[in-house]
Amino acid sequence: MKHGKRLLIGTLFLIIFLVNMTAPASAYSVKGFYWHSGHATMHKDSSIPSTWTTSFNNAANAWTNAGTVFYYSWAAASDNILYYTPLSNNSILATTHYDATGDVYNSFYIEFNSNKAWSTASNGESGKFDVESVAAHEFGHGLGLGHSIVLYATMFESTAAGEISKRSLHKDDIDGIKSIYRGL
């Protein structure tokens, strides 16, 4: 009898584990704002380290090449600005959308916390946040996505120092951008 109960309990735990490992088909979230033009230009403030350019380009290209009409580009001047600045709280960075009216994005800015350790190394670095992964996540917010509940999605709500897996978009991220920009 004890063996039967153990088997039943073990089976139930396995089922619960497997159900929790499976994410819903649409785990992404959207903010309700989007670029009606399907395009956003960005500008790197002079505070951004010049060694971050390739990481930023790769992160922007991940979204630009996601199979929609949306694309990012860089401009000498833009209302969408990236900064490298000390933040008073313990966050890695902050993305702020302002001047959003109705469902239209007009501008955003992203502040990377200069009090944190950052890396642009191709294999990442222990104890440092990956510029490309974090930028890809924030650029996702910039185009109108919220957080995903899928652990491996670029738009998952958190990252860890040394993590580089979120440089590439997950199917959930792509489904999210397609839900916003498929046919503008």
N, C-alpha and C. Protein backbone atom coordinates (compact mmCIF):
# COMPACT_ATOMS: atom_id res chain seq x y z
N MET A 1 0.81 -1.20 0.00
CA MET A 1 0.00 0.00 0.00
C MET A 1 0.86 1.27 0.00
N LYS A 2 1.95 1.26 0.83
CA LYS A 2 2.83 2.42 0.87
C LYS A 2 3.47 2.67 -0.49
N HIS A 3 3.83 1.59 -1.17
CA HIS A 3 4.46 1.72 -2.49
C HIS A 3 3.49 2.36 -3.48
N GLY A 4 2.23 1.99 -3.43
CA GLY A 4 1.22 2.55 -4.32
C GLY A 4 1.00 4.03 -4.08
N LYS A 5 0.99 4.46 -2.82
CA LYS A 5 0.82 5.87 -2.49
C LYS A 5 2.03 6.69 -2.96
N ARG A 6 3.21 6.12 -2.74
CA ARG A 6 4.43 6.81 -3.19
C ARG A 6 4.44 6.98 -4.70
N LEU A 7 4.04 5.95 -5.40
CA LEU A 7 3.98 6.02 -6.86
C LEU A 7 2.97 7.06 -7.30
N LEU A 8 1.82 7.09 -6.65
CA LEU A 8 0.78 8.06 -6.99
C LEU A 8 1.27 9.48 -6.71
N ILE A 9 1.86 9.71 -5.55
CA ILE A 9 2.37 11.03 -5.20
C ILE A 9 3.49 11.44 -6.15
N GLY A 10 4.39 10.52 -6.46
CA GLY A 10 5.47 10.81 -7.40
C GLY A 10 4.94 11.16 -8.78
N THR A 11 3.93 10.44 -9.22
CA THR A 11 3.31 10.72 -10.52
C THR A 11 2.66 12.09 -10.53
N LEU A 12 1.97 12.44 -9.46
CA LEU A 12 1.33 13.76 -9.36
C LEU A 12 2.37 14.88 -9.41
N PHE A 13 3.47 14.72 -8.66
CA PHE A 13 4.53 15.73 -8.70
C PHE A 13 5.13 15.85 -10.10
N LEU A 14 5.30 14.74 -10.79
CA LEU A 14 5.83 14.77 -12.15
C LEU A 14 4.87 15.52 -13.07
N ILE A 15 3.59 15.25 -12.95
CA ILE A 15 2.59 15.93 -13.79
C ILE A 15 2.60 17.43 -13.50
N ILE A 16 2.63 17.80 -12.22
CA ILE A 16 2.66 19.22 -11.86
C ILE A 16 3.92 19.88 -12.43
N PHE A 17 5.05 19.22 -12.31
CA PHE A 17 6.30 19.74 -12.84
C PHE A 17 6.21 19.95 -14.35
N LEU A 18 5.71 18.95 -15.07
CA LEU A 18 5.62 19.04 -16.52
C LEU A 18 4.64 20.13 -16.96
N VAL A 19 3.55 20.27 -16.27
CA VAL A 19 2.58 21.31 -16.60
C VAL A 19 3.21 22.69 -16.39
N ASN A 20 3.97 22.85 -15.31
CA ASN A 20 4.60 24.14 -15.04
C ASN A 20 5.75 24.44 -16.00
N MET A 21 6.34 23.45 -16.61
CA MET A 21 7.42 23.66 -17.56
C MET A 21 6.89 24.10 -18.92
N THR A 22 5.65 23.85 -19.19
CA THR A 22 5.05 24.19 -20.47
C THR A 22 4.43 25.57 -20.38
N ALA A 23 4.94 26.50 -21.17
CA ALA A 23 4.40 27.85 -21.18
C ALA A 23 3.18 27.92 -22.09
N PRO A 24 2.26 28.79 -21.81
CA PRO A 24 1.11 28.96 -22.69
C PRO A 24 1.56 29.44 -24.07
N ALA A 25 0.71 29.24 -25.08
CA ALA A 25 1.06 29.59 -26.45
C ALA A 25 1.34 31.09 -26.60
N SER A 26 0.62 31.93 -25.88
CA SER A 26 0.82 33.37 -25.96
C SER A 26 1.19 33.89 -24.58
N ALA A 27 2.44 33.77 -24.23
CA ALA A 27 2.89 34.18 -22.90
C ALA A 27 3.39 35.62 -22.88
N TYR A 28 3.56 36.24 -24.04
CA TYR A 28 4.03 37.61 -24.10
C TYR A 28 2.93 38.56 -23.64
N SER A 29 3.31 39.79 -23.37
CA SER A 29 2.32 40.82 -23.08
C SER A 29 2.66 42.07 -23.89
N VAL A 30 1.66 42.85 -24.18
CA VAL A 30 1.86 44.09 -24.93
C VAL A 30 1.42 45.25 -24.06
N LYS A 31 2.01 46.41 -24.30
CA LYS A 31 1.72 47.59 -23.50
C LYS A 31 0.54 48.40 -24.03
N GLY A 32 0.14 48.16 -25.26
CA GLY A 32 -0.96 48.90 -25.84
C GLY A 32 -0.53 50.10 -26.65
N PHE A 33 0.75 50.39 -26.66
CA PHE A 33 1.29 51.48 -27.48
C PHE A 33 2.16 50.87 -28.56
N TYR A 34 2.24 51.53 -29.70
CA TYR A 34 3.12 51.06 -30.76
C TYR A 34 3.46 52.21 -31.69
N TRP A 35 4.48 52.00 -32.49
CA TRP A 35 4.89 53.00 -33.47
C TRP A 35 4.02 52.82 -34.70
N HIS A 36 3.13 53.75 -34.96
CA HIS A 36 2.23 53.63 -36.11
C HIS A 36 2.97 53.57 -37.43
N SER A 37 4.15 54.15 -37.45
CA SER A 37 4.95 54.12 -38.68
C SER A 37 5.65 52.77 -38.85
N GLY A 38 5.71 51.96 -37.77
CA GLY A 38 6.45 50.70 -37.83
C GLY A 38 7.95 50.91 -37.80
N HIS A 39 8.37 52.09 -37.36
CA HIS A 39 9.79 52.45 -37.39
C HIS A 39 10.11 53.35 -36.20
N ALA A 40 11.27 53.14 -35.61
CA ALA A 40 11.75 54.04 -34.56
C ALA A 40 13.24 54.27 -34.75
N THR A 41 13.63 55.53 -34.70
CA THR A 41 15.05 55.86 -34.72
C THR A 41 15.53 55.99 -33.28
N MET A 42 16.78 55.67 -33.06
CA MET A 42 17.37 55.81 -31.74
C MET A 42 18.67 56.59 -31.85
N HIS A 43 19.04 57.19 -30.75
CA HIS A 43 20.28 57.97 -30.67
C HIS A 43 21.03 57.56 -29.41
N LYS A 44 22.33 57.31 -29.55
CA LYS A 44 23.17 57.01 -28.39
C LYS A 44 23.74 58.32 -27.86
N ASP A 45 23.43 58.63 -26.62
CA ASP A 45 24.00 59.78 -25.96
C ASP A 45 25.51 59.60 -25.86
N SER A 46 26.25 60.69 -25.74
CA SER A 46 27.71 60.62 -25.66
C SER A 46 28.18 59.87 -24.40
N SER A 47 27.30 59.65 -23.44
CA SER A 47 27.66 58.91 -22.23
C SER A 47 27.80 57.40 -22.48
N ILE A 48 27.25 56.91 -23.59
CA ILE A 48 27.31 55.48 -23.91
C ILE A 48 28.74 55.13 -24.35
N PRO A 49 29.33 54.09 -23.74
CA PRO A 49 30.68 53.68 -24.17
C PRO A 49 30.68 53.29 -25.65
N SER A 50 31.69 53.73 -26.37
CA SER A 50 31.77 53.44 -27.81
C SER A 50 31.90 51.94 -28.07
N THR A 51 32.40 51.19 -27.11
CA THR A 51 32.55 49.74 -27.28
C THR A 51 31.21 49.01 -27.27
N TRP A 52 30.13 49.70 -26.98
CA TRP A 52 28.80 49.08 -26.93
C TRP A 52 28.08 49.10 -28.28
N THR A 53 28.63 49.77 -29.26
CA THR A 53 27.94 49.97 -30.55
C THR A 53 27.53 48.65 -31.20
N THR A 54 28.42 47.69 -31.30
CA THR A 54 28.09 46.41 -31.94
C THR A 54 26.98 45.70 -31.17
N SER A 55 27.05 45.71 -29.85
CA SER A 55 26.01 45.07 -29.05
C SER A 55 24.65 45.72 -29.29
N PHE A 56 24.63 47.04 -29.34
CA PHE A 56 23.38 47.76 -29.60
C PHE A 56 22.85 47.44 -31.00
N ASN A 57 23.73 47.43 -31.98
CA ASN A 57 23.31 47.11 -33.35
C ASN A 57 22.72 45.71 -33.42
N ASN A 58 23.38 44.75 -32.80
CA ASN A 58 22.88 43.37 -32.80
C ASN A 58 21.52 43.28 -32.12
N ALA A 59 21.36 43.96 -31.00
CA ALA A 59 20.08 43.93 -30.27
C ALA A 59 18.96 44.55 -31.10
N ALA A 60 19.24 45.68 -31.74
CA ALA A 60 18.23 46.33 -32.59
C ALA A 60 17.90 45.45 -33.79
N ASN A 61 18.92 44.84 -34.38
CA ASN A 61 18.71 43.99 -35.55
C ASN A 61 17.89 42.74 -35.22
N ALA A 62 18.00 42.24 -34.00
CA ALA A 62 17.18 41.09 -33.61
C ALA A 62 15.70 41.40 -33.81
N TRP A 63 15.28 42.59 -33.40
CA TRP A 63 13.87 42.98 -33.57
C TRP A 63 13.57 43.37 -35.02
N THR A 64 14.49 44.06 -35.66
CA THR A 64 14.29 44.47 -37.05
C THR A 64 14.12 43.26 -37.96
N ASN A 65 14.82 42.17 -37.65
CA ASN A 65 14.78 40.96 -38.48
C ASN A 65 13.81 39.90 -37.96
N ALA A 66 12.84 40.30 -37.17
CA ALA A 66 11.91 39.34 -36.56
C ALA A 66 10.75 38.94 -37.49
N GLY A 67 10.74 39.46 -38.71
CA GLY A 67 9.71 39.05 -39.67
C GLY A 67 8.47 39.91 -39.67
N THR A 68 8.62 41.19 -39.27
CA THR A 68 7.48 42.11 -39.29
C THR A 68 7.86 43.34 -40.09
N VAL A 69 6.96 44.30 -40.12
CA VAL A 69 7.26 45.56 -40.81
C VAL A 69 8.00 46.54 -39.92
N PHE A 70 8.18 46.21 -38.64
CA PHE A 70 8.87 47.12 -37.72
C PHE A 70 10.38 47.08 -37.93
N TYR A 71 11.02 48.24 -37.80
CA TYR A 71 12.47 48.26 -37.79
C TYR A 71 13.00 49.43 -36.97
N TYR A 72 14.17 49.20 -36.38
CA TYR A 72 14.92 50.22 -35.67
C TYR A 72 16.01 50.75 -36.59
N SER A 73 16.35 52.03 -36.40
CA SER A 73 17.52 52.59 -37.08
C SER A 73 18.16 53.61 -36.15
N TRP A 74 19.37 54.01 -36.48
CA TRP A 74 20.12 54.96 -35.67
C TRP A 74 20.14 56.31 -36.35
N ALA A 75 20.11 57.36 -35.54
CA ALA A 75 20.12 58.73 -36.08
C ALA A 75 21.04 59.59 -35.23
N ALA A 76 21.57 60.64 -35.85
CA ALA A 76 22.44 61.57 -35.13
C ALA A 76 21.65 62.32 -34.06
N ALA A 77 20.37 62.47 -34.30
CA ALA A 77 19.48 63.11 -33.32
C ALA A 77 18.14 62.39 -33.36
N SER A 78 17.59 62.13 -32.20
CA SER A 78 16.31 61.43 -32.10
C SER A 78 15.73 61.71 -30.72
N ASP A 79 14.43 61.60 -30.59
CA ASP A 79 13.79 61.71 -29.28
C ASP A 79 13.92 60.42 -28.48
N ASN A 80 14.39 59.35 -29.10
CA ASN A 80 14.58 58.05 -28.44
C ASN A 80 16.06 57.91 -28.14
N ILE A 81 16.41 58.11 -26.89
CA ILE A 81 17.81 58.27 -26.52
C ILE A 81 18.24 57.21 -25.52
N LEU A 82 19.46 56.71 -25.69
CA LEU A 82 20.07 55.76 -24.78
C LEU A 82 21.14 56.48 -23.97
N TYR A 83 21.11 56.28 -22.65
CA TYR A 83 22.05 56.93 -21.74
C TYR A 83 22.79 55.89 -20.91
N TYR A 84 23.95 56.26 -20.44
CA TYR A 84 24.75 55.48 -19.49
C TYR A 84 24.97 56.40 -18.29
N THR A 85 24.23 56.14 -17.23
CA THR A 85 24.20 57.09 -16.12
C THR A 85 23.97 56.37 -14.80
N PRO A 86 24.43 56.91 -13.69
CA PRO A 86 24.15 56.27 -12.42
C PRO A 86 22.66 56.40 -12.06
N LEU A 87 22.08 55.31 -11.63
CA LEU A 87 20.69 55.32 -11.19
C LEU A 87 20.66 55.21 -9.67
N SER A 88 19.75 55.90 -9.06
CA SER A 88 19.71 55.94 -7.60
C SER A 88 19.22 54.64 -6.98
N ASN A 89 18.40 53.90 -7.70
CA ASN A 89 17.95 52.62 -7.15
C ASN A 89 18.90 51.51 -7.59
N ASN A 90 18.59 50.30 -7.23
CA ASN A 90 19.49 49.18 -7.52
C ASN A 90 19.19 48.51 -8.85
N SER A 91 18.38 49.12 -9.71
CA SER A 91 18.00 48.50 -10.97
C SER A 91 19.17 48.50 -11.96
N ILE A 92 19.07 47.58 -12.91
CA ILE A 92 20.08 47.49 -13.96
C ILE A 92 19.94 48.69 -14.90
N LEU A 93 18.71 49.05 -15.19
CA LEU A 93 18.43 50.16 -16.07
C LEU A 93 16.98 50.56 -15.96
N ALA A 94 16.62 51.59 -16.68
CA ALA A 94 15.23 52.05 -16.69
C ALA A 94 14.87 52.45 -18.11
N THR A 95 13.69 52.02 -18.56
CA THR A 95 13.14 52.45 -19.84
C THR A 95 11.90 53.28 -19.54
N THR A 96 11.86 54.46 -20.08
CA THR A 96 10.73 55.35 -19.84
C THR A 96 10.13 55.76 -21.18
N HIS A 97 8.84 55.55 -21.30
CA HIS A 97 8.11 56.03 -22.47
C HIS A 97 7.44 57.32 -22.05
N TYR A 98 7.60 58.32 -22.81
CA TYR A 98 6.90 59.55 -22.52
C TYR A 98 6.33 60.09 -23.80
N ASP A 99 5.40 60.97 -23.63
CA ASP A 99 4.76 61.57 -24.78
C ASP A 99 3.98 60.52 -25.58
N ALA A 100 3.42 59.54 -24.87
CA ALA A 100 2.57 58.55 -25.54
C ALA A 100 1.13 59.04 -25.45
N THR A 101 0.49 59.16 -26.59
CA THR A 101 -0.90 59.61 -26.62
C THR A 101 -1.73 58.55 -27.34
N GLY A 102 -2.86 58.24 -26.75
CA GLY A 102 -3.68 57.18 -27.33
C GLY A 102 -2.90 55.89 -27.34
N ASP A 103 -2.78 55.29 -28.50
CA ASP A 103 -1.99 54.06 -28.61
C ASP A 103 -0.70 54.30 -29.40
N VAL A 104 -0.27 55.55 -29.49
CA VAL A 104 0.90 55.92 -30.29
C VAL A 104 2.10 56.20 -29.39
N TYR A 105 3.22 55.57 -29.70
CA TYR A 105 4.48 55.93 -29.06
C TYR A 105 5.04 57.14 -29.76
N ASN A 106 5.49 58.10 -28.98
CA ASN A 106 6.16 59.26 -29.56
C ASN A 106 7.65 59.27 -29.23
N SER A 107 8.02 58.76 -28.05
CA SER A 107 9.44 58.72 -27.71
C SER A 107 9.67 57.89 -26.45
N PHE A 108 10.92 57.48 -26.28
CA PHE A 108 11.35 56.76 -25.08
C PHE A 108 12.81 57.07 -24.82
N TYR A 109 13.21 56.79 -23.60
CA TYR A 109 14.65 56.83 -23.32
C TYR A 109 14.98 55.65 -22.41
N ILE A 110 16.20 55.17 -22.58
CA ILE A 110 16.68 54.02 -21.82
C ILE A 110 17.95 54.45 -21.10
N GLU A 111 17.97 54.23 -19.79
CA GLU A 111 19.13 54.57 -18.98
C GLU A 111 19.78 53.28 -18.47
N PHE A 112 21.01 53.04 -18.90
CA PHE A 112 21.81 51.91 -18.42
C PHE A 112 22.53 52.37 -17.16
N ASN A 113 22.42 51.63 -16.08
CA ASN A 113 23.00 52.03 -14.81
C ASN A 113 24.52 51.90 -14.83
N SER A 114 25.21 53.02 -14.77
CA SER A 114 26.67 53.01 -14.81
C SER A 114 27.28 52.49 -13.50
N ASN A 115 26.46 52.26 -12.49
CA ASN A 115 26.94 51.67 -11.23
C ASN A 115 27.02 50.15 -11.30
N LYS A 116 26.59 49.56 -12.40
CA LYS A 116 26.62 48.11 -12.60
C LYS A 116 27.79 47.73 -13.50
N ALA A 117 28.24 46.49 -13.38
CA ALA A 117 29.31 45.97 -14.24
C ALA A 117 28.69 45.43 -15.53
N TRP A 118 29.21 45.85 -16.68
CA TRP A 118 28.67 45.49 -17.99
C TRP A 118 29.73 44.78 -18.82
N SER A 119 29.26 43.96 -19.77
CA SER A 119 30.17 43.23 -20.66
C SER A 119 29.64 43.23 -22.08
N THR A 120 30.57 43.31 -23.03
CA THR A 120 30.24 43.12 -24.44
C THR A 120 30.99 41.91 -25.00
N ALA A 121 31.58 41.10 -24.13
CA ALA A 121 32.34 39.92 -24.56
C ALA A 121 31.43 38.93 -25.26
N SER A 122 31.92 38.30 -26.30
CA SER A 122 31.09 37.39 -27.10
C SER A 122 30.54 36.22 -26.28
N ASN A 123 31.25 35.78 -25.28
CA ASN A 123 30.77 34.68 -24.43
C ASN A 123 30.27 35.16 -23.08
N GLY A 124 30.10 36.46 -22.92
CA GLY A 124 29.67 37.01 -21.65
C GLY A 124 30.79 36.97 -20.62
N GLU A 125 30.55 37.57 -19.48
CA GLU A 125 31.53 37.56 -18.40
C GLU A 125 30.80 37.37 -17.08
N SER A 126 31.32 36.49 -16.27
CA SER A 126 30.74 36.22 -14.96
C SER A 126 30.70 37.52 -14.14
N GLY A 127 29.58 37.75 -13.50
CA GLY A 127 29.45 38.91 -12.64
C GLY A 127 29.14 40.21 -13.35
N LYS A 128 29.00 40.16 -14.69
CA LYS A 128 28.70 41.37 -15.46
C LYS A 128 27.45 41.15 -16.29
N PHE A 129 26.66 42.21 -16.44
CA PHE A 129 25.46 42.13 -17.25
C PHE A 129 25.82 42.28 -18.72
N ASP A 130 25.19 41.49 -19.56
CA ASP A 130 25.47 41.48 -20.99
C ASP A 130 24.73 42.63 -21.67
N VAL A 131 25.47 43.53 -22.26
CA VAL A 131 24.89 44.71 -22.91
C VAL A 131 23.89 44.29 -23.98
N GLU A 132 24.27 43.34 -24.82
CA GLU A 132 23.39 42.95 -25.94
C GLU A 132 22.08 42.34 -25.46
N SER A 133 22.14 41.43 -24.49
CA SER A 133 20.93 40.80 -23.97
C SER A 133 20.00 41.82 -23.32
N VAL A 134 20.58 42.67 -22.50
CA VAL A 134 19.78 43.68 -21.80
C VAL A 134 19.21 44.69 -22.79
N ALA A 135 20.02 45.09 -23.76
CA ALA A 135 19.53 46.04 -24.77
C ALA A 135 18.41 45.41 -25.60
N ALA A 136 18.55 44.14 -25.97
CA ALA A 136 17.49 43.48 -26.73
C ALA A 136 16.18 43.49 -25.94
N HIS A 137 16.28 43.22 -24.65
CA HIS A 137 15.09 43.25 -23.79
C HIS A 137 14.47 44.65 -23.78
N GLU A 138 15.29 45.66 -23.54
CA GLU A 138 14.77 47.02 -23.45
C GLU A 138 14.26 47.53 -24.79
N PHE A 139 14.91 47.14 -25.89
CA PHE A 139 14.40 47.52 -27.21
C PHE A 139 13.04 46.88 -27.45
N GLY A 140 12.81 45.70 -26.88
CA GLY A 140 11.48 45.08 -26.94
C GLY A 140 10.44 45.95 -26.26
N HIS A 141 10.79 46.51 -25.10
CA HIS A 141 9.88 47.46 -24.45
C HIS A 141 9.68 48.68 -25.34
N GLY A 142 10.76 49.11 -25.98
CA GLY A 142 10.69 50.28 -26.84
C GLY A 142 9.74 50.13 -28.01
N LEU A 143 9.49 48.89 -28.43
CA LEU A 143 8.56 48.69 -29.55
C LEU A 143 7.16 48.33 -29.09
N GLY A 144 6.97 48.21 -27.77
CA GLY A 144 5.62 48.03 -27.25
C GLY A 144 5.34 46.72 -26.53
N LEU A 145 6.36 45.90 -26.31
CA LEU A 145 6.15 44.65 -25.59
C LEU A 145 6.32 44.85 -24.09
N GLY A 146 5.52 44.10 -23.34
CA GLY A 146 5.70 44.02 -21.89
C GLY A 146 6.53 42.78 -21.60
N HIS A 147 6.44 42.30 -20.38
CA HIS A 147 7.20 41.11 -19.99
C HIS A 147 6.50 39.83 -20.39
N SER A 148 7.30 38.81 -20.62
CA SER A 148 6.82 37.46 -20.92
C SER A 148 6.96 36.61 -19.67
N ILE A 149 6.16 35.57 -19.58
CA ILE A 149 6.31 34.62 -18.48
C ILE A 149 7.18 33.44 -18.88
N VAL A 150 7.68 33.45 -20.12
CA VAL A 150 8.55 32.37 -20.60
C VAL A 150 9.98 32.66 -20.13
N LEU A 151 10.53 31.77 -19.34
CA LEU A 151 11.84 31.96 -18.72
C LEU A 151 12.94 32.26 -19.74
N TYR A 152 12.91 31.64 -20.90
CA TYR A 152 13.99 31.80 -21.88
C TYR A 152 13.71 32.88 -22.93
N ALA A 153 12.60 33.57 -22.80
CA ALA A 153 12.27 34.64 -23.73
C ALA A 153 13.14 35.86 -23.42
N THR A 154 13.50 36.60 -24.44
CA THR A 154 14.23 37.85 -24.25
C THR A 154 13.43 38.79 -23.37
N MET A 155 12.12 38.76 -23.47
CA MET A 155 11.26 39.67 -22.72
C MET A 155 10.87 39.14 -21.34
N PHE A 156 11.49 38.04 -20.88
CA PHE A 156 11.26 37.60 -19.50
C PHE A 156 11.65 38.74 -18.56
N GLU A 157 10.99 38.82 -17.42
CA GLU A 157 11.12 39.99 -16.56
C GLU A 157 12.47 40.21 -15.90
N SER A 158 13.36 39.24 -15.93
CA SER A 158 14.65 39.45 -15.28
C SER A 158 15.76 38.74 -16.05
N THR A 159 16.98 39.10 -15.70
CA THR A 159 18.16 38.47 -16.27
C THR A 159 19.18 38.32 -15.15
N ALA A 160 20.21 37.60 -15.42
CA ALA A 160 21.27 37.40 -14.43
C ALA A 160 22.60 37.86 -15.02
N ALA A 161 23.49 38.26 -14.15
CA ALA A 161 24.83 38.62 -14.61
C ALA A 161 25.45 37.42 -15.32
N GLY A 162 26.09 37.67 -16.44
CA GLY A 162 26.73 36.61 -17.22
C GLY A 162 25.83 35.93 -18.22
N GLU A 163 24.53 36.19 -18.18
CA GLU A 163 23.58 35.52 -19.09
C GLU A 163 23.62 36.17 -20.47
N ILE A 164 23.81 35.34 -21.52
CA ILE A 164 23.84 35.85 -22.89
C ILE A 164 22.76 35.22 -23.76
N SER A 165 21.98 34.30 -23.21
CA SER A 165 21.00 33.57 -24.02
C SER A 165 19.89 34.46 -24.55
N LYS A 166 19.68 35.61 -23.93
CA LYS A 166 18.57 36.46 -24.36
C LYS A 166 18.95 37.44 -25.46
N ARG A 167 20.12 37.23 -26.05
CA ARG A 167 20.50 38.01 -27.23
C ARG A 167 19.62 37.62 -28.41
N SER A 168 19.27 36.36 -28.48
CA SER A 168 18.43 35.83 -29.57
C SER A 168 16.97 35.81 -29.12
N LEU A 169 16.10 36.18 -30.02
CA LEU A 169 14.68 36.19 -29.69
C LEU A 169 14.13 34.77 -29.60
N HIS A 170 13.28 34.55 -28.64
CA HIS A 170 12.55 33.30 -28.44
C HIS A 170 11.29 33.37 -29.30
N LYS A 171 10.69 32.26 -29.59
CA LYS A 171 9.45 32.23 -30.36
C LYS A 171 8.39 33.13 -29.73
N ASP A 172 8.35 33.17 -28.39
CA ASP A 172 7.36 34.02 -27.71
C ASP A 172 7.61 35.50 -28.01
N ASP A 173 8.86 35.93 -28.06
CA ASP A 173 9.19 37.32 -28.41
C ASP A 173 8.73 37.64 -29.83
N ILE A 174 8.99 36.73 -30.73
CA ILE A 174 8.61 36.93 -32.14
C ILE A 174 7.09 36.95 -32.28
N ASP A 175 6.40 36.06 -31.57
CA ASP A 175 4.93 36.08 -31.59
C ASP A 175 4.42 37.42 -31.07
N GLY A 176 5.08 37.94 -30.04
CA GLY A 176 4.67 39.22 -29.47
C GLY A 176 4.80 40.37 -30.46
N ILE A 177 5.96 40.49 -31.11
CA ILE A 177 6.15 41.59 -32.06
C ILE A 177 5.22 41.43 -33.27
N LYS A 178 5.00 40.18 -33.66
CA LYS A 178 4.09 39.96 -34.79
C LYS A 178 2.66 40.33 -34.43
N SER A 179 2.29 40.19 -33.17
CA SER A 179 0.93 40.57 -32.78
C SER A 179 0.72 42.07 -32.88
N ILE A 180 1.80 42.85 -32.82
CA ILE A 180 1.71 44.31 -32.89
C ILE A 180 1.94 44.83 -34.30
N TYR A 181 2.97 44.30 -34.99
CA TYR A 181 3.44 44.91 -36.24
C TYR A 181 3.27 44.05 -37.48
N ARG A 182 2.44 43.07 -37.45
CA ARG A 182 2.32 42.18 -38.60
C ARG A 182 1.88 42.91 -39.87
N GLY A 183 0.89 43.71 -39.79
CA GLY A 183 0.38 44.27 -41.05
C GLY A 183 0.04 45.74 -40.97
N LEU A 184 0.94 46.54 -40.43
CA LEU A 184 0.65 47.99 -40.39
C LEU A 184 0.40 48.54 -41.76
